[in-house]
PDB file of N, CA and C in Angstrom:
ATOM      1  N   MET A   1     -28.550 356.953 -49.170  1.00  0.00           N
ATOM      2  CA  MET A   1     -27.153 356.638 -48.917  1.00  0.00           C
ATOM      3  C   MET A   1     -26.299 357.257 -50.000  1.00  0.00           C
ATOM      4  N   SER A   2     -25.107 357.594 -49.649  1.00  0.00           N
ATOM      5  CA  SER A   2     -24.185 358.126 -50.647  1.00  0.00           C
ATOM      6  C   SER A   2     -23.095 357.105 -50.909  1.00  0.00           C
ATOM      7  N   TYR A   3     -22.373 357.352 -51.945  1.00  0.00           N
ATOM      8  CA  TYR A   3     -21.312 356.433 -52.332  1.00  0.00           C
ATOM      9  C   TYR A   3     -20.085 357.244 -52.670  1.00  0.00           C
ATOM     10  N   ILE A   4     -18.951 356.896 -52.096  1.00  0.00           N
ATOM     11  CA  ILE A   4     -17.696 357.576 -52.382  1.00  0.00           C
ATOM     12  C   ILE A   4     -16.785 356.594 -53.092  1.00  0.00           C
ATOM     13  N   CYS A   5     -16.373 356.950 -54.292  1.00  0.00           N
ATOM     14  CA  CYS A   5     -15.481 356.092 -55.072  1.00  0.00           C
ATOM     15  C   CYS A   5     -14.044 356.394 -54.695  1.00  0.00           C
ATOM     16  N   ARG A   6     -13.320 355.380 -54.317  1.00  0.00           N
ATOM     17  CA  ARG A   6     -11.919 355.562 -53.944  1.00  0.00           C
ATOM     18  C   ARG A   6     -10.980 355.243 -55.085  1.00  0.00           C
ATOM     19  N   GLU A   7     -11.463 354.468 -56.030  1.00  0.00           N
ATOM     20  CA  GLU A   7     -10.627 354.092 -57.165  1.00  0.00           C
ATOM     21  C   GLU A   7     -11.386 354.374 -58.448  1.00  0.00           C
ATOM     22  N   ARG A   8     -10.651 354.700 -59.476  1.00  0.00           N
ATOM     23  CA  ARG A   8     -11.277 354.983 -60.761  1.00  0.00           C
ATOM     24  C   ARG A   8     -12.051 353.772 -61.279  1.00  0.00           C
ATOM     25  N   SER A   9     -11.490 352.583 -61.107  1.00  0.00           N
ATOM     26  CA  SER A   9     -12.169 351.394 -61.615  1.00  0.00           C
ATOM     27  C   SER A   9     -13.514 351.193 -60.916  1.00  0.00           C
ATOM     28  N   THR A  10     -13.592 351.535 -59.625  1.00  0.00           N
ATOM     29  CA  THR A  10     -14.850 351.426 -58.901  1.00  0.00           C
ATOM     30  C   THR A  10     -15.874 352.383 -59.489  1.00  0.00           C
ATOM     31  N   ASP A  11     -15.437 353.593 -59.839  1.00  0.00           N
ATOM     32  CA  ASP A  11     -16.327 354.583 -60.432  1.00  0.00           C
ATOM     33  C   ASP A  11     -16.847 354.099 -61.786  1.00  0.00           C
ATOM     34  N   ILE A  12     -15.998 353.466 -62.565  1.00  0.00           N
ATOM     35  CA  ILE A  12     -16.404 352.938 -63.871  1.00  0.00           C
ATOM     36  C   ILE A  12     -17.469 351.856 -63.691  1.00  0.00           C
ATOM     37  N   VAL A  13     -17.264 350.969 -62.732  1.00  0.00           N
ATOM     38  CA  VAL A  13     -18.231 349.898 -62.465  1.00  0.00           C
ATOM     39  C   VAL A  13     -19.543 350.496 -61.961  1.00  0.00           C
ATOM     40  N   LEU A  14     -19.465 351.499 -61.104  1.00  0.00           N
ATOM     41  CA  LEU A  14     -20.667 352.149 -60.590  1.00  0.00           C
ATOM     42  C   LEU A  14     -21.468 352.784 -61.724  1.00  0.00           C
ATOM     43  N   GLN A  15     -20.794 353.469 -62.625  1.00  0.00           N
ATOM     44  CA  GLN A  15     -21.482 354.092 -63.761  1.00  0.00           C
ATOM     45  C   GLN A  15     -22.124 353.028 -64.659  1.00  0.00           C
ATOM     46  N   ALA A  16     -21.429 351.916 -64.872  1.00  0.00           N
ATOM     47  CA  ALA A  16     -21.988 350.825 -65.679  1.00  0.00           C
ATOM     48  C   ALA A  16     -23.235 350.246 -65.000  1.00  0.00           C
ATOM     49  N   ALA A  17     -23.185 350.114 -63.680  1.00  0.00           N
ATOM     50  CA  ALA A  17     -24.336 349.592 -62.937  1.00  0.00           C
ATOM     51  C   ALA A  17     -25.527 350.541 -63.049  1.00  0.00           C
ATOM     52  N   LYS A  18     -25.273 351.837 -62.965  1.00  0.00           N
ATOM     53  CA  LYS A  18     -26.357 352.822 -63.103  1.00  0.00           C
ATOM     54  C   LYS A  18     -26.972 352.774 -64.503  1.00  0.00           C
ATOM     55  N   ARG A  19     -26.130 352.609 -65.516  1.00  0.00           N
ATOM     56  CA  ARG A  19     -26.643 352.517 -66.896  1.00  0.00           C
ATOM     57  C   ARG A  19     -27.512 351.268 -67.072  1.00  0.00           C
ATOM     58  N   LEU A  20     -27.044 350.136 -66.527  1.00  0.00           N
ATOM     59  CA  LEU A  20     -27.813 348.899 -66.637  1.00  0.00           C
ATOM     60  C   LEU A  20     -29.151 349.035 -65.914  1.00  0.00           C
ATOM     61  N   PHE A  21     -29.133 349.640 -64.731  1.00  0.00           N
ATOM     62  CA  PHE A  21     -30.381 349.872 -64.002  1.00  0.00           C
ATOM     63  C   PHE A  21     -31.344 350.670 -64.878  1.00  0.00           C
ATOM     64  N   GLY A  22     -30.851 351.750 -65.471  1.00  0.00           N
ATOM     65  CA  GLY A  22     -31.685 352.605 -66.313  1.00  0.00           C
ATOM     66  C   GLY A  22     -32.234 351.887 -67.530  1.00  0.00           C
ATOM     67  N   ARG A  23     -31.399 351.071 -68.183  1.00  0.00           N
ATOM     68  CA  ARG A  23     -31.864 350.323 -69.362  1.00  0.00           C
ATOM     69  C   ARG A  23     -32.911 349.280 -68.973  1.00  0.00           C
ATOM     70  N   PHE A  24     -32.684 348.608 -67.844  1.00  0.00           N
ATOM     71  CA  PHE A  24     -33.594 347.551 -67.414  1.00  0.00           C
ATOM     72  C   PHE A  24     -34.919 348.127 -66.909  1.00  0.00           C
ATOM     73  N   HIS A  25     -34.842 349.114 -66.008  1.00  0.00           N
ATOM     74  CA  HIS A  25     -36.045 349.669 -65.380  1.00  0.00           C
ATOM     75  C   HIS A  25     -36.745 350.728 -66.224  1.00  0.00           C
ATOM     76  N   ARG A  26     -35.996 351.316 -67.179  1.00  0.00           N
ATOM     77  CA  ARG A  26     -36.498 352.394 -68.037  1.00  0.00           C
ATOM     78  C   ARG A  26     -36.683 353.701 -67.280  1.00  0.00           C
ATOM     79  N   PHE A  27     -35.961 353.844 -66.167  1.00  0.00           N
ATOM     80  CA  PHE A  27     -35.858 355.112 -65.445  1.00  0.00           C
ATOM     81  C   PHE A  27     -34.576 355.049 -64.620  1.00  0.00           C
ATOM     82  N   PRO A  28     -33.986 356.206 -64.278  1.00  0.00           N
ATOM     83  CA  PRO A  28     -32.712 356.206 -63.563  1.00  0.00           C
ATOM     84  C   PRO A  28     -32.873 355.787 -62.102  1.00  0.00           C
ATOM     85  N   PRO A  29     -31.795 355.278 -61.496  1.00  0.00           N
ATOM     86  CA  PRO A  29     -31.866 354.916 -60.075  1.00  0.00           C
ATOM     87  C   PRO A  29     -32.037 356.170 -59.222  1.00  0.00           C
ATOM     88  N   SER A  30     -32.834 356.064 -58.164  1.00  0.00           N
ATOM     89  CA  SER A  30     -33.041 357.209 -57.278  1.00  0.00           C
ATOM     90  C   SER A  30     -31.929 357.318 -56.241  1.00  0.00           C
ATOM     91  N   ARG A  31     -31.263 356.209 -55.967  1.00  0.00           N
ATOM     92  CA  ARG A  31     -30.173 356.210 -54.990  1.00  0.00           C
ATOM     93  C   ARG A  31     -29.309 354.977 -55.202  1.00  0.00           C
ATOM     94  N   VAL A  32     -28.149 355.003 -54.583  1.00  0.00           N
ATOM     95  CA  VAL A  32     -27.228 353.871 -54.638  1.00  0.00           C
ATOM     96  C   VAL A  32     -27.067 353.359 -53.219  1.00  0.00           C
ATOM     97  N   LEU A  33     -27.300 352.087 -53.027  1.00  0.00           N
ATOM     98  CA  LEU A  33     -27.145 351.480 -51.713  1.00  0.00           C
ATOM     99  C   LEU A  33     -25.837 350.713 -51.666  1.00  0.00           C
ATOM    100  N   THR A  34     -25.158 350.840 -50.563  1.00  0.00           N
ATOM    101  CA  THR A  34     -23.939 350.067 -50.363  1.00  0.00           C
ATOM    102  C   THR A  34     -24.054 349.338 -49.034  1.00  0.00           C
ATOM    103  N   GLY A  35     -23.334 348.281 -48.912  1.00  0.00           N
ATOM    104  CA  GLY A  35     -23.346 347.534 -47.668  1.00  0.00           C
ATOM    105  C   GLY A  35     -22.396 346.360 -47.753  1.00  0.00           C
ATOM    106  N   ARG A  36     -22.232 345.720 -46.634  1.00  0.00           N
ATOM    107  CA  ARG A  36     -21.350 344.559 -46.593  1.00  0.00           C
ATOM    108  C   ARG A  36     -22.072 343.341 -47.157  1.00  0.00           C
ATOM    109  N   CYS A  37     -21.318 342.556 -47.898  1.00  0.00           N
ATOM    110  CA  CYS A  37     -21.875 341.343 -48.489  1.00  0.00           C
ATOM    111  C   CYS A  37     -20.745 340.333 -48.626  1.00  0.00           C
ATOM    112  N   ASP A  38     -20.948 339.156 -48.071  1.00  0.00           N
ATOM    113  CA  ASP A  38     -19.939 338.110 -48.200  1.00  0.00           C
ATOM    114  C   ASP A  38     -20.012 337.566 -49.619  1.00  0.00           C
ATOM    115  N   ARG A  39     -19.012 337.906 -50.426  1.00  0.00           N
ATOM    116  CA  ARG A  39     -19.020 337.509 -51.837  1.00  0.00           C
ATOM    117  C   ARG A  39     -18.234 336.234 -52.089  1.00  0.00           C
ATOM    118  N   ARG A  40     -17.667 335.667 -51.050  1.00  0.00           N
ATOM    119  CA  ARG A  40     -16.883 334.445 -51.244  1.00  0.00           C
ATOM    120  C   ARG A  40     -17.801 333.253 -51.514  1.00  0.00           C
ATOM    121  N   VAL A  41     -17.425 332.479 -52.492  1.00  0.00           N
ATOM    122  CA  VAL A  41     -18.155 331.244 -52.774  1.00  0.00           C
ATOM    123  C   VAL A  41     -17.463 330.136 -51.990  1.00  0.00           C
ATOM    124  N   PRO A  42     -18.204 329.417 -51.148  1.00  0.00           N
ATOM    125  CA  PRO A  42     -17.587 328.345 -50.363  1.00  0.00           C
ATOM    126  C   PRO A  42     -16.975 327.279 -51.269  1.00  0.00           C
ATOM    127  N   ARG A  43     -15.972 326.591 -50.754  1.00  0.00           N
ATOM    128  CA  ARG A  43     -15.338 325.512 -51.513  1.00  0.00           C
ATOM    129  C   ARG A  43     -16.297 324.338 -51.707  1.00  0.00           C
ATOM    130  N   VAL A  44     -17.227 324.169 -50.776  1.00  0.00           N
ATOM    131  CA  VAL A  44     -18.193 323.074 -50.855  1.00  0.00           C
ATOM    132  C   VAL A  44     -19.594 323.665 -50.993  1.00  0.00           C
ATOM    133  N   LEU A  45     -20.298 323.237 -52.025  1.00  0.00           N
ATOM    134  CA  LEU A  45     -21.679 323.657 -52.242  1.00  0.00           C
ATOM    135  C   LEU A  45     -22.569 322.430 -52.348  1.00  0.00           C
ATOM    136  N   VAL A  46     -23.818 322.586 -51.971  1.00  0.00           N
ATOM    137  CA  VAL A  46     -24.804 321.517 -52.088  1.00  0.00           C
ATOM    138  C   VAL A  46     -25.621 321.779 -53.352  1.00  0.00           C
ATOM    139  N   ARG A  47     -25.572 320.842 -54.298  1.00  0.00           N
ATOM    140  CA  ARG A  47     -26.338 321.001 -55.540  1.00  0.00           C
ATOM    141  C   ARG A  47     -27.801 320.730 -55.238  1.00  0.00           C
ATOM    142  N   LEU A  48     -28.647 321.717 -55.520  1.00  0.00           N
ATOM    143  CA  LEU A  48     -30.077 321.570 -55.269  1.00  0.00           C
ATOM    144  C   LEU A  48     -30.826 321.121 -56.511  1.00  0.00           C
ATOM    145  N   GLY A  49     -30.317 321.479 -57.683  1.00  0.00           N
ATOM    146  CA  GLY A  49     -30.970 321.103 -58.931  1.00  0.00           C
ATOM    147  C   GLY A  49     -30.791 322.182 -59.978  1.00  0.00           C
ATOM    148  N   GLU A  50     -31.629 322.127 -61.010  1.00  0.00           N
ATOM    149  CA  GLU A  50     -31.571 323.124 -62.079  1.00  0.00           C
ATOM    150  C   GLU A  50     -32.559 324.244 -61.780  1.00  0.00           C
ATOM    151  N   LEU A  51     -32.144 325.469 -62.046  1.00  0.00           N
ATOM    152  CA  LEU A  51     -33.028 326.621 -61.889  1.00  0.00           C
ATOM    153  C   LEU A  51     -33.783 326.788 -63.204  1.00  0.00           C
ATOM    154  N   LYS A  52     -35.006 326.286 -63.246  1.00  0.00           N
ATOM    155  CA  LYS A  52     -35.802 326.285 -64.477  1.00  0.00           C
ATOM    156  C   LYS A  52     -36.456 327.636 -64.749  1.00  0.00           C
ATOM    157  N   ALA A  53     -36.754 328.383 -63.682  1.00  0.00           N
ATOM    158  CA  ALA A  53     -37.427 329.674 -63.843  1.00  0.00           C
ATOM    159  C   ALA A  53     -37.045 330.593 -62.690  1.00  0.00           C
ATOM    160  N   LEU A  54     -37.225 331.865 -62.937  1.00  0.00           N
ATOM    161  CA  LEU A  54     -36.942 332.897 -61.948  1.00  0.00           C
ATOM    162  C   LEU A  54     -38.195 333.763 -61.841  1.00  0.00           C
ATOM    163  N   VAL A  55     -38.727 333.920 -60.637  1.00  0.00           N
ATOM    164  CA  VAL A  55     -39.910 334.748 -60.404  1.00  0.00           C
ATOM    165  C   VAL A  55     -39.481 335.893 -59.505  1.00  0.00           C
ATOM    166  N   TYR A  56     -39.768 337.119 -59.923  1.00  0.00           N
ATOM    167  CA  TYR A  56     -39.365 338.275 -59.132  1.00  0.00           C
ATOM    168  C   TYR A  56     -40.347 339.421 -59.325  1.00  0.00           C
ATOM    169  N   SER A  57     -40.341 340.367 -58.392  1.00  0.00           N
ATOM    170  CA  SER A  57     -41.153 341.579 -58.500  1.00  0.00           C
ATOM    171  C   SER A  57     -40.239 342.750 -58.761  1.00  0.00           C
ATOM    172  N   SER A  58     -40.671 343.653 -59.631  1.00  0.00           N
ATOM    173  CA  SER A  58     -39.880 344.827 -59.976  1.00  0.00           C
ATOM    174  C   SER A  58     -40.818 345.928 -60.452  1.00  0.00           C
ATOM    175  N   ASP A  59     -40.401 347.172 -60.238  1.00  0.00           N
ATOM    176  CA  ASP A  59     -41.178 348.289 -60.779  1.00  0.00           C
ATOM    177  C   ASP A  59     -40.652 348.683 -62.153  1.00  0.00           C
ATOM    178  N   ARG A  60     -40.071 347.715 -62.838  1.00  0.00           N
ATOM    179  CA  ARG A  60     -39.517 347.912 -64.183  1.00  0.00           C
ATOM    180  C   ARG A  60     -40.556 348.547 -65.104  1.00  0.00           C
ATOM    181  N   GLY A  61     -40.211 349.698 -65.653  1.00  0.00           N
ATOM    182  CA  GLY A  61     -41.090 350.387 -66.587  1.00  0.00           C
ATOM    183  C   GLY A  61     -42.185 351.225 -65.947  1.00  0.00           C
ATOM    184  N   LYS A  62     -42.451 351.009 -64.653  1.00  0.00           N
ATOM    185  CA  LYS A  62     -43.501 351.753 -63.947  1.00  0.00           C
ATOM    186  C   LYS A  62     -43.020 352.066 -62.535  1.00  0.00           C
ATOM    187  N   PRO A  63     -42.293 353.180 -62.358  1.00  0.00           N
ATOM    188  CA  PRO A  63     -41.747 353.521 -61.037  1.00  0.00           C
ATOM    189  C   PRO A  63     -42.813 353.485 -59.938  1.00  0.00           C
ATOM    190  N   GLY A  64     -42.491 352.787 -58.858  1.00  0.00           N
ATOM    191  CA  GLY A  64     -43.388 352.709 -57.711  1.00  0.00           C
ATOM    192  C   GLY A  64     -44.560 351.761 -57.884  1.00  0.00           C
ATOM    193  N   GLN A  65     -44.604 351.039 -58.996  1.00  0.00           N
ATOM    194  CA  GLN A  65     -45.698 350.100 -59.245  1.00  0.00           C
ATOM    195  C   GLN A  65     -45.132 348.714 -59.565  1.00  0.00           C
ATOM    196  N   PRO A  66     -44.667 347.993 -58.535  1.00  0.00           N
ATOM    197  CA  PRO A  66     -44.063 346.686 -58.801  1.00  0.00           C
ATOM    198  C   PRO A  66     -45.054 345.691 -59.403  1.00  0.00           C
ATOM    199  N   ARG A  67     -44.522 344.897 -60.322  1.00  0.00           N
ATOM    200  CA  ARG A  67     -45.275 343.810 -60.950  1.00  0.00           C
ATOM    201  C   ARG A  67     -44.441 342.549 -60.827  1.00  0.00           C
ATOM    202  N   SER A  68     -45.084 341.418 -60.970  1.00  0.00           N
ATOM    203  CA  SER A  68     -44.363 340.144 -60.918  1.00  0.00           C
ATOM    204  C   SER A  68     -43.962 339.725 -62.324  1.00  0.00           C
ATOM    205  N   PHE A  69     -42.758 339.183 -62.433  1.00  0.00           N
ATOM    206  CA  PHE A  69     -42.236 338.684 -63.698  1.00  0.00           C
ATOM    207  C   PHE A  69     -41.810 337.236 -63.503  1.00  0.00           C
ATOM    208  N   ILE A  70     -42.050 336.409 -64.508  1.00  0.00           N
ATOM    209  CA  ILE A  70     -41.599 335.017 -64.503  1.00  0.00           C
ATOM    210  C   ILE A  70     -40.717 334.837 -65.723  1.00  0.00           C
ATOM    211  N   HIS A  71     -39.494 334.372 -65.491  1.00  0.00           N
ATOM    212  CA  HIS A  71     -38.570 334.140 -66.598  1.00  0.00           C
ATOM    213  C   HIS A  71     -38.186 332.667 -66.603  1.00  0.00           C
ATOM    214  N   PHE A  72     -38.507 331.966 -67.676  1.00  0.00           N
ATOM    215  CA  PHE A  72     -38.107 330.567 -67.830  1.00  0.00           C
ATOM    216  C   PHE A  72     -36.742 330.530 -68.505  1.00  0.00           C
ATOM    217  N   MET A  73     -35.823 329.751 -67.963  1.00  0.00           N
ATOM    218  CA  MET A  73     -34.449 329.683 -68.443  1.00  0.00           C
ATOM    219  C   MET A  73     -34.338 328.780 -69.664  1.00  0.00           C
ATOM    220  N   ASP A  74     -33.745 329.300 -70.745  1.00  0.00           N
ATOM    221  CA  ASP A  74     -33.487 328.490 -71.937  1.00  0.00           C
ATOM    222  C   ASP A  74     -32.394 327.464 -71.664  1.00  0.00           C
ATOM    223  N   SER A  75     -31.381 327.887 -70.923  1.00  0.00           N
ATOM    224  CA  SER A  75     -30.251 327.031 -70.558  1.00  0.00           C
ATOM    225  C   SER A  75     -30.146 327.065 -69.034  1.00  0.00           C
ATOM    226  N   PRO A  76     -30.883 326.194 -68.341  1.00  0.00           N
ATOM    227  CA  PRO A  76     -30.977 326.294 -66.886  1.00  0.00           C
ATOM    228  C   PRO A  76     -29.630 326.197 -66.168  1.00  0.00           C
ATOM    229  N   PRO A  77     -29.339 327.187 -65.310  1.00  0.00           N
ATOM    230  CA  PRO A  77     -28.142 327.109 -64.487  1.00  0.00           C
ATOM    231  C   PRO A  77     -28.388 326.161 -63.315  1.00  0.00           C
ATOM    232  N   THR A  78     -27.329 325.844 -62.607  1.00  0.00           N
ATOM    233  CA  THR A  78     -27.427 325.009 -61.416  1.00  0.00           C
ATOM    234  C   THR A  78     -27.749 325.885 -60.213  1.00  0.00           C
ATOM    235  N   LEU A  79     -28.684 325.445 -59.394  1.00  0.00           N
ATOM    236  CA  LEU A  79     -28.991 326.118 -58.138  1.00  0.00           C
ATOM    237  C   LEU A  79     -28.312 325.336 -57.025  1.00  0.00           C
ATOM    238  N   ALA A  80     -27.525 326.033 -56.211  1.00  0.00           N
ATOM    239  CA  ALA A  80     -26.788 325.390 -55.125  1.00  0.00           C
ATOM    240  C   ALA A  80     -26.886 326.257 -53.876  1.00  0.00           C
ATOM    241  N   CYS A  81     -26.501 325.691 -52.743  1.00  0.00           N
ATOM    242  CA  CYS A  81     -26.465 326.458 -51.494  1.00  0.00           C
ATOM    243  C   CYS A  81     -25.212 326.087 -50.721  1.00  0.00           C
ATOM    244  N   ASP A  82     -24.924 326.881 -49.691  1.00  0.00           N
ATOM    245  CA  ASP A  82     -23.784 326.557 -48.838  1.00  0.00           C
ATOM    246  C   ASP A  82     -24.174 325.397 -47.921  1.00  0.00           C
ATOM    247  N   ALA A  83     -23.198 324.836 -47.213  1.00  0.00           N
ATOM    248  CA  ALA A  83     -23.431 323.659 -46.373  1.00  0.00           C
ATOM    249  C   ALA A  83     -24.407 323.946 -45.236  1.00  0.00           C
ATOM    250  N   ALA A  84     -24.542 325.208 -44.836  1.00  0.00           N
ATOM    251  CA  ALA A  84     -25.473 325.574 -43.770  1.00  0.00           C
ATOM    252  C   ALA A  84     -26.886 325.798 -44.307  1.00  0.00           C
ATOM    253  N   GLY A  85     -27.022 325.863 -45.625  1.00  0.00           N
ATOM    254  CA  GLY A  85     -28.327 326.077 -46.231  1.00  0.00           C
ATOM    255  C   GLY A  85     -28.840 327.503 -46.097  1.00  0.00           C
ATOM    256  N   ARG A  86     -27.930 328.459 -45.944  1.00  0.00           N
ATOM    257  CA  ARG A  86     -28.334 329.856 -45.725  1.00  0.00           C
ATOM    258  C   ARG A  86     -28.104 330.780 -46.911  1.00  0.00           C
ATOM    259  N   ARG A  87     -27.266 330.374 -47.846  1.00  0.00           N
ATOM    260  CA  ARG A  87     -26.964 331.228 -49.002  1.00  0.00           C
ATOM    261  C   ARG A  87     -27.169 330.434 -50.283  1.00  0.00           C
ATOM    262  N   LEU A  88     -27.858 331.034 -51.249  1.00  0.00           N
ATOM    263  CA  LEU A  88     -28.091 330.395 -52.540  1.00  0.00           C
ATOM    264  C   LEU A  88     -27.092 330.901 -53.570  1.00  0.00           C
ATOM    265  N   PHE A  89     -26.756 330.038 -54.516  1.00  0.00           N
ATOM    266  CA  PHE A  89     -25.830 330.381 -55.589  1.00  0.00           C
ATOM    267  C   PHE A  89     -26.415 329.900 -56.913  1.00  0.00           C
ATOM    268  N   ILE A  90     -26.319 330.748 -57.928  1.00  0.00           N
ATOM    269  CA  ILE A  90     -26.730 330.389 -59.283  1.00  0.00           C
ATOM    270  C   ILE A  90     -25.450 330.189 -60.077  1.00  0.00           C
ATOM    271  N   LEU A  91     -25.238 328.979 -60.561  1.00  0.00           N
ATOM    272  CA  LEU A  91     -23.987 328.623 -61.228  1.00  0.00           C
ATOM    273  C   LEU A  91     -24.228 328.296 -62.697  1.00  0.00           C
ATOM    274  N   GLY A  92     -23.521 328.986 -63.563  1.00  0.00           N
ATOM    275  CA  GLY A  92     -23.599 328.689 -64.991  1.00  0.00           C
ATOM    276  C   GLY A  92     -24.847 329.255 -65.642  1.00  0.00           C
ATOM    277  N   GLY A  93     -25.251 328.623 -66.723  1.00  0.00           N
ATOM    278  CA  GLY A  93     -26.385 329.105 -67.502  1.00  0.00           C
ATOM    279  C   GLY A  93     -25.945 330.174 -68.488  1.00  0.00           C
ATOM    280  N   ARG A  94     -26.796 330.440 -69.450  1.00  0.00           N
ATOM    281  CA  ARG A  94     -26.510 331.484 -70.442  1.00  0.00           C
ATOM    282  C   ARG A  94     -27.674 332.461 -70.452  1.00  0.00           C
ATOM    283  N   PHE A  95     -27.596 333.459 -69.600  1.00  0.00           N
ATOM    284  CA  PHE A  95     -28.629 334.481 -69.550  1.00  0.00           C
ATOM    285  C   PHE A  95     -27.959 335.819 -69.284  1.00  0.00           C
ATOM    286  N   ARG A  96     -28.689 336.881 -69.558  1.00  0.00           N
ATOM    287  CA  ARG A  96     -28.141 338.220 -69.334  1.00  0.00           C
ATOM    288  C   ARG A  96     -29.292 339.186 -69.076  1.00  0.00           C
ATOM    289  N   VAL A  97     -28.958 340.317 -68.463  1.00  0.00           N
ATOM    290  CA  VAL A  97     -29.931 341.364 -68.188  1.00  0.00           C
ATOM    291  C   VAL A  97     -29.820 342.393 -69.305  1.00  0.00           C
ATOM    292  N   THR A  98     -30.937 342.664 -69.984  1.00  0.00           N
ATOM    293  CA  THR A  98     -30.965 343.592 -71.113  1.00  0.00           C
ATOM    294  C   THR A  98     -32.125 344.576 -70.925  1.00  0.00           C
ATOM    295  N   PRO A  99     -32.251 345.552 -71.823  1.00  0.00           N
ATOM    296  CA  PRO A  99     -33.406 346.454 -71.743  1.00  0.00           C
ATOM    297  C   PRO A  99     -34.753 345.731 -71.893  1.00  0.00           C
ATOM    298  N   PHE A 100     -34.732 344.511 -72.426  1.00  0.00           N
ATOM    299  CA  PHE A 100     -35.956 343.735 -72.605  1.00  0.00           C
ATOM    300  C   PHE A 100     -36.268 342.852 -71.403  1.00  0.00           C
ATOM    301  N   GLY A 101     -35.378 342.812 -70.416  1.00  0.00           N
ATOM    302  CA  GLY A 101     -35.556 341.977 -69.236  1.00  0.00           C
ATOM    303  C   GLY A 101     -34.418 340.980 -69.114  1.00  0.00           C
ATOM    304  N   ILE A 102     -34.699 339.859 -68.479  1.00  0.00           N
ATOM    305  CA  ILE A 102     -33.713 338.786 -68.360  1.00  0.00           C
ATOM    306  C   ILE A 102     -33.899 337.888 -69.574  1.00  0.00           C
ATOM    307  N   GLU A 103     -32.845 337.704 -70.336  1.00  0.00           N
ATOM    308  CA  GLU A 103     -32.918 336.910 -71.568  1.00  0.00           C
ATOM    309  C   GLU A 103     -31.989 335.708 -71.472  1.00  0.00           C
ATOM    310  N   GLY A 104     -32.435 334.600 -72.072  1.00  0.00           N
ATOM    311  CA  GLY A 104     -31.586 333.415 -72.150  1.00  0.00           C
ATOM    312  C   GLY A 104     -32.105 332.264 -71.350  1.00  0.00           C
TER     313      GLY A 104
END
């Protein structure tokens, strides 16, 4: 897929996203995907509890060779969903994505 930037600010954000991908994965992105995504947070959310850990697969550091990672949260954010139970939301917490992985 290709990406056409219509505004300078969009281009700046895109470049920042590519840099973060490269720092996190330790190799540059092969492509940029775009698509529609409902980014609105509903006014009413159902609190599910605290997100104590995050488990995910990524080819971080080894292109084409995904591995599983488990990250335990130092400051657990709240896990919530919409009233229909179809969309999850991570609220709060103190974590960030760095070249070392997800920290915090």
